[in-house]
Amino acid sequence: MSKEELTKKEKNILIIRFIIIVITICLIAFITVKALPLIGKIANEDTRLELKDDIANMGIKGVLITLGLQILQIVVAVIPGQPMEIISGMLYGTWGGMLLCLVGIFIGTGIVFFLTRKIGMSFIQLFFSKEQVEKIKQKKIFKNPRKLELFMFIMFVLPLLPKDIFIYVAGISPVNPKRFLFIATIARIPGLLITVYAGNTLSEGNFITVALLVLLFIALGIIGYKISDRAEEKIEKDARIS
């Protein structure tokens, strides 16, 4: 491939990335506008029962919409995950919301993983810069499937750590697809439980508990950053030795 062709390809990727960002912003704005009346109903004790009836009347349609949005959140990496998890908890309770999120995460992760494995860097660069990906690829653990799986488990299990890029990078790594899909789904449960439960608690009007859960989530995220840094150093060091 010539330098001119490469430049043209990169321009096309940037154009598509820009379109994705614009569509995502519009989608987030649309969901926010639609969610405002929902928040109003939650804040009012008299309308909370009415809201639950509305959700029940949506039936399978509501479930599929929620599931679809969760899948979209995984595939389009720029969409934050926590709001979707909170909404799932608000609409379907702790366990129903968690099940929906896990199914959506599993399907979305599978779509990203296999598209990345099929298309490669061209697909990844729609959401992440080449420099971001190369920084991860240069690590020793990237070439060691078991060490990489362990590091990814740590990243997925700890709240607020950047996870989305690892779903994409995994597709061009030597990790086993089944093992990765299991790790990327199951390892999210601890953080997911907090956010979905916060959503369920919010729908019941218990705002003090929600505030405490948010503080807990942030505290775990800060601790998680420190743990992940030390874990990365140790795993990277072990990978060099091996």
Protein backbone atom coordinates (compact mmCIF):
# COMPACT_ATOMS: atom_id res chain seq x y z
CA MET A 1 0.00 0.00 0.00
CA SER A 2 1.41 3.38 -1.04
CA LYS A 3 1.68 6.39 1.25
CA GLU A 4 -1.04 8.17 -0.76
CA GLU A 5 -3.44 5.22 -0.39
CA LEU A 6 -2.72 5.01 3.34
CA THR A 7 -3.47 8.72 3.75
CA LYS A 8 -6.75 8.33 1.88
CA LYS A 9 -7.70 5.37 4.08
CA GLU A 10 -6.90 7.33 7.24
CA LYS A 11 -9.01 10.25 6.01
CA ASN A 12 -11.94 7.90 5.39
CA ILE A 13 -11.56 6.49 8.90
CA LEU A 14 -11.55 10.01 10.38
CA ILE A 15 -14.69 10.93 8.43
CA ILE A 16 -16.51 7.79 9.60
CA ARG A 17 -15.32 8.40 13.17
CA PHE A 18 -16.67 11.96 13.02
CA ILE A 19 -20.04 10.71 11.75
CA ILE A 20 -20.19 8.13 14.57
CA ILE A 21 -19.43 10.82 17.16
CA VAL A 22 -22.12 13.15 15.78
CA ILE A 23 -24.72 10.35 15.70
CA THR A 24 -23.72 9.34 19.24
CA ILE A 25 -24.09 12.90 20.56
CA CYS A 26 -27.52 13.18 18.92
CA LEU A 27 -28.54 9.81 20.39
CA ILE A 28 -27.39 10.77 23.89
CA ALA A 29 -29.24 14.09 23.61
CA PHE A 30 -32.41 12.30 22.46
CA ILE A 31 -32.24 9.75 25.30
CA THR A 32 -31.59 12.55 27.82
CA VAL A 33 -34.66 14.48 26.66
CA LYS A 34 -36.77 11.32 26.82
CA ALA A 35 -35.40 10.44 30.28
CA LEU A 36 -36.23 13.82 31.88
CA PRO A 37 -39.94 12.99 32.36
CA LEU A 38 -38.84 9.64 33.78
CA ILE A 39 -36.72 11.39 36.40
CA GLY A 40 -39.65 13.66 37.22
CA LYS A 41 -41.88 10.65 37.85
CA ILE A 42 -39.27 9.01 40.08
CA ALA A 43 -38.95 12.15 42.18
CA ASN A 44 -42.69 12.13 42.82
CA GLU A 45 -43.94 9.36 45.09
CA ASP A 46 -47.44 9.47 43.57
CA THR A 47 -46.21 8.85 40.02
CA ARG A 48 -43.69 6.07 40.74
CA LEU A 49 -46.39 3.38 40.67
CA GLU A 50 -47.71 4.87 37.44
CA LEU A 51 -44.21 4.61 35.96
CA LYS A 52 -43.92 0.93 36.91
CA ASP A 53 -47.27 0.25 35.25
CA ASP A 54 -46.07 2.02 32.08
CA ILE A 55 -42.97 -0.18 32.00
CA ALA A 56 -45.00 -3.35 32.55
CA ASN A 57 -47.31 -2.36 29.68
CA MET A 58 -44.33 -2.05 27.29
CA GLY A 59 -43.73 -5.79 27.68
CA ILE A 60 -41.15 -7.41 25.39
CA LYS A 61 -40.77 -4.18 23.39
CA GLY A 62 -39.30 -2.40 26.41
CA VAL A 63 -36.97 -5.31 27.12
CA LEU A 64 -35.70 -5.36 23.52
CA ILE A 65 -35.16 -1.58 23.46
CA THR A 66 -33.18 -1.71 26.71
CA LEU A 67 -31.18 -4.69 25.48
CA GLY A 68 -30.49 -2.99 22.16
CA LEU A 69 -29.24 0.17 23.87
CA GLN A 70 -26.91 -1.90 26.08
CA ILE A 71 -25.47 -3.66 23.02
CA LEU A 72 -25.04 -0.30 21.30
CA GLN A 73 -23.20 1.07 24.33
CA ILE A 74 -20.63 -1.72 24.09
CA VAL A 75 -20.18 -1.50 20.31
CA VAL A 76 -19.96 2.31 20.19
CA ALA A 77 -17.15 2.79 22.70
CA VAL A 78 -17.69 6.53 23.21
CA ILE A 79 -21.06 5.97 24.92
CA PRO A 80 -20.62 5.75 28.73
CA GLY A 81 -21.85 2.52 30.30
CA GLN A 82 -22.97 3.53 33.79
CA PRO A 83 -26.08 5.56 32.77
CA MET A 84 -27.41 2.58 30.79
CA GLU A 85 -26.88 0.29 33.77
CA ILE A 86 -28.68 2.72 36.10
CA ILE A 87 -31.61 3.00 33.67
CA SER A 88 -31.82 -0.82 33.46
CA GLY A 89 -32.03 -1.00 37.24
CA MET A 90 -34.68 1.73 37.32
CA LEU A 91 -36.82 -0.03 34.74
CA TYR A 92 -36.43 -3.71 35.62
CA GLY A 93 -35.11 -3.88 39.17
CA THR A 94 -31.76 -5.12 40.41
CA TRP A 95 -31.84 -8.69 39.10
CA GLY A 96 -33.88 -8.09 35.95
CA GLY A 97 -31.75 -5.08 35.05
CA MET A 98 -28.55 -6.96 35.76
CA LEU A 99 -29.60 -9.90 33.58
CA LEU A 100 -30.46 -7.55 30.71
CA CYS A 101 -27.12 -5.75 31.06
CA LEU A 102 -25.14 -9.00 31.15
CA VAL A 103 -26.88 -10.36 28.05
CA GLY A 104 -26.32 -7.04 26.24
CA ILE A 105 -22.67 -6.93 27.34
CA PHE A 106 -22.09 -10.50 26.16
CA ILE A 107 -23.66 -9.88 22.74
CA GLY A 108 -22.01 -6.48 22.28
CA THR A 109 -18.60 -7.82 23.33
CA GLY A 110 -18.95 -10.73 20.91
CA ILE A 111 -19.85 -8.38 18.04
CA VAL A 112 -16.85 -6.13 18.71
CA PHE A 113 -14.42 -9.01 19.27
CA PHE A 114 -15.24 -10.90 16.08
CA LEU A 115 -15.54 -7.77 13.92
CA THR A 116 -12.12 -6.69 15.15
CA ARG A 117 -10.67 -10.14 14.52
CA LYS A 118 -12.15 -10.06 11.01
CA ILE A 119 -11.43 -6.44 10.00
CA GLY A 120 -8.49 -5.53 12.23
CA MET A 121 -7.07 -2.06 12.88
CA SER A 122 -9.38 -0.33 10.39
CA PHE A 123 -12.35 -1.14 12.65
CA ILE A 124 -10.54 -0.25 15.88
CA GLN A 125 -9.49 3.15 14.52
CA LEU A 126 -13.12 4.13 14.13
CA PHE A 127 -13.18 4.56 17.92
CA PHE A 128 -9.56 4.72 19.10
CA SER A 129 -6.40 6.30 17.74
CA LYS A 130 -3.62 4.15 16.35
CA GLU A 131 -1.33 5.47 19.09
CA GLN A 132 -3.67 4.24 21.86
CA VAL A 133 -3.76 0.75 20.38
CA GLU A 134 -0.02 0.60 19.66
CA LYS A 135 0.73 1.56 23.27
CA ILE A 136 -1.12 -1.56 24.45
CA LYS A 137 0.26 -3.79 21.68
CA GLN A 138 3.83 -2.93 22.67
CA LYS A 139 3.39 -4.34 26.15
CA LYS A 140 4.94 -7.75 26.79
CA ILE A 141 1.70 -9.13 28.21
CA PHE A 142 -0.01 -8.54 24.86
CA LYS A 143 1.91 -11.50 23.43
CA ASN A 144 1.20 -13.74 26.43
CA PRO A 145 -2.49 -14.87 26.34
CA ARG A 146 -2.71 -15.99 29.99
CA LYS A 147 -1.04 -12.86 31.36
CA LEU A 148 -3.22 -10.70 29.12
CA GLU A 149 -6.37 -12.51 30.29
CA LEU A 150 -5.39 -11.90 33.92
CA PHE A 151 -4.76 -8.20 33.28
CA MET A 152 -8.05 -7.86 31.40
CA PHE A 153 -9.91 -9.57 34.25
CA ILE A 154 -8.51 -6.97 36.66
CA MET A 155 -9.53 -4.14 34.30
CA PHE A 156 -13.07 -5.47 33.88
CA VAL A 157 -13.71 -6.33 37.52
CA LEU A 158 -12.75 -2.92 38.93
CA PRO A 159 -15.27 -0.05 38.51
CA LEU A 160 -14.57 3.09 36.44
CA LEU A 161 -11.45 1.70 34.77
CA PRO A 162 -11.32 2.11 30.96
CA LYS A 163 -12.60 -1.21 29.60
CA ASP A 164 -13.86 -0.53 26.09
CA ILE A 165 -10.48 -0.34 24.39
CA PHE A 166 -9.59 -3.81 25.70
CA ILE A 167 -12.66 -5.32 24.01
CA TYR A 168 -11.34 -4.01 20.70
CA VAL A 169 -7.68 -4.83 21.35
CA ALA A 170 -8.59 -8.38 22.40
CA GLY A 171 -9.75 -9.05 18.84
CA ILE A 172 -6.22 -8.58 17.49
CA SER A 173 -4.58 -10.40 20.41
CA PRO A 174 -3.89 -14.14 20.80
CA VAL A 175 -6.53 -14.60 23.56
CA ASN A 176 -9.03 -17.43 23.26
CA PRO A 177 -12.46 -16.07 22.16
CA LYS A 178 -14.53 -18.18 24.59
CA ARG A 179 -12.30 -17.37 27.55
CA PHE A 180 -12.28 -13.67 26.71
CA LEU A 181 -16.08 -13.45 26.32
CA PHE A 182 -16.47 -15.18 29.69
CA ILE A 183 -13.98 -12.82 31.39
CA ALA A 184 -15.36 -9.65 29.77
CA THR A 185 -18.91 -10.52 30.86
CA ILE A 186 -18.60 -12.18 34.27
CA ALA A 187 -15.85 -9.89 35.61
CA ARG A 188 -18.17 -6.88 35.27
CA ILE A 189 -20.68 -8.25 37.82
CA PRO A 190 -19.34 -6.48 40.98
CA GLY A 191 -19.42 -2.98 39.45
CA LEU A 192 -22.60 -3.76 37.55
CA LEU A 193 -24.35 -4.81 40.75
CA ILE A 194 -23.64 -1.41 42.32
CA THR A 195 -24.91 0.66 39.38
CA VAL A 196 -27.98 -1.47 38.67
CA TYR A 197 -28.89 -1.56 42.35
CA ALA A 198 -28.44 2.23 42.45
CA GLY A 199 -30.92 2.49 39.57
CA ASN A 200 -33.43 0.26 41.35
CA THR A 201 -33.00 2.24 44.57
CA LEU A 202 -33.48 5.48 42.63
CA SER A 203 -36.80 4.19 41.24
CA GLU A 204 -37.94 3.60 44.83
CA GLY A 205 -37.12 7.19 45.76
CA ASN A 206 -34.34 6.34 48.22
CA PHE A 207 -31.99 9.16 47.18
CA ILE A 208 -29.71 8.96 50.24
CA THR A 209 -28.84 5.33 49.47
CA VAL A 210 -28.22 6.27 45.82
CA ALA A 211 -25.82 9.04 46.90
CA LEU A 212 -23.94 6.58 49.15
CA LEU A 213 -23.73 4.03 46.31
CA VAL A 214 -22.33 6.68 43.96
CA LEU A 215 -19.68 7.61 46.54
CA LEU A 216 -18.85 3.92 47.00
CA PHE A 217 -18.55 3.47 43.23
CA ILE A 218 -16.19 6.45 42.94
CA ALA A 219 -14.10 5.27 45.90
CA LEU A 220 -13.77 1.79 44.38
CA GLY A 221 -12.80 3.39 41.07
CA ILE A 222 -9.99 5.40 42.70
CA ILE A 223 -8.73 2.32 44.53
CA GLY A 224 -9.07 0.37 41.28
CA TYR A 225 -6.77 2.74 39.41
CA LYS A 226 -4.04 2.21 42.00
CA ILE A 227 -4.53 -1.57 42.00
CA SER A 228 -4.50 -1.75 38.18
CA ASP A 229 -1.26 0.26 37.95
CA ARG A 230 0.53 -2.06 40.38
CA ALA A 231 -0.97 -5.16 38.78
CA GLU A 232 0.11 -4.02 35.32
CA GLU A 233 3.67 -3.43 36.52
CA LYS A 234 3.87 -6.86 38.17
CA ILE A 235 2.27 -8.76 35.25
CA GLU A 236 4.43 -6.89 32.74
CA LYS A 237 7.54 -7.70 34.79
CA ASP A 238 6.58 -11.40 35.01
CA ALA A 239 5.88 -11.46 31.29
CA ARG A 240 9.39 -10.12 30.55
CA ILE A 241 10.94 -12.79 32.76
CA SER A 242 8.93 -15.58 31.14
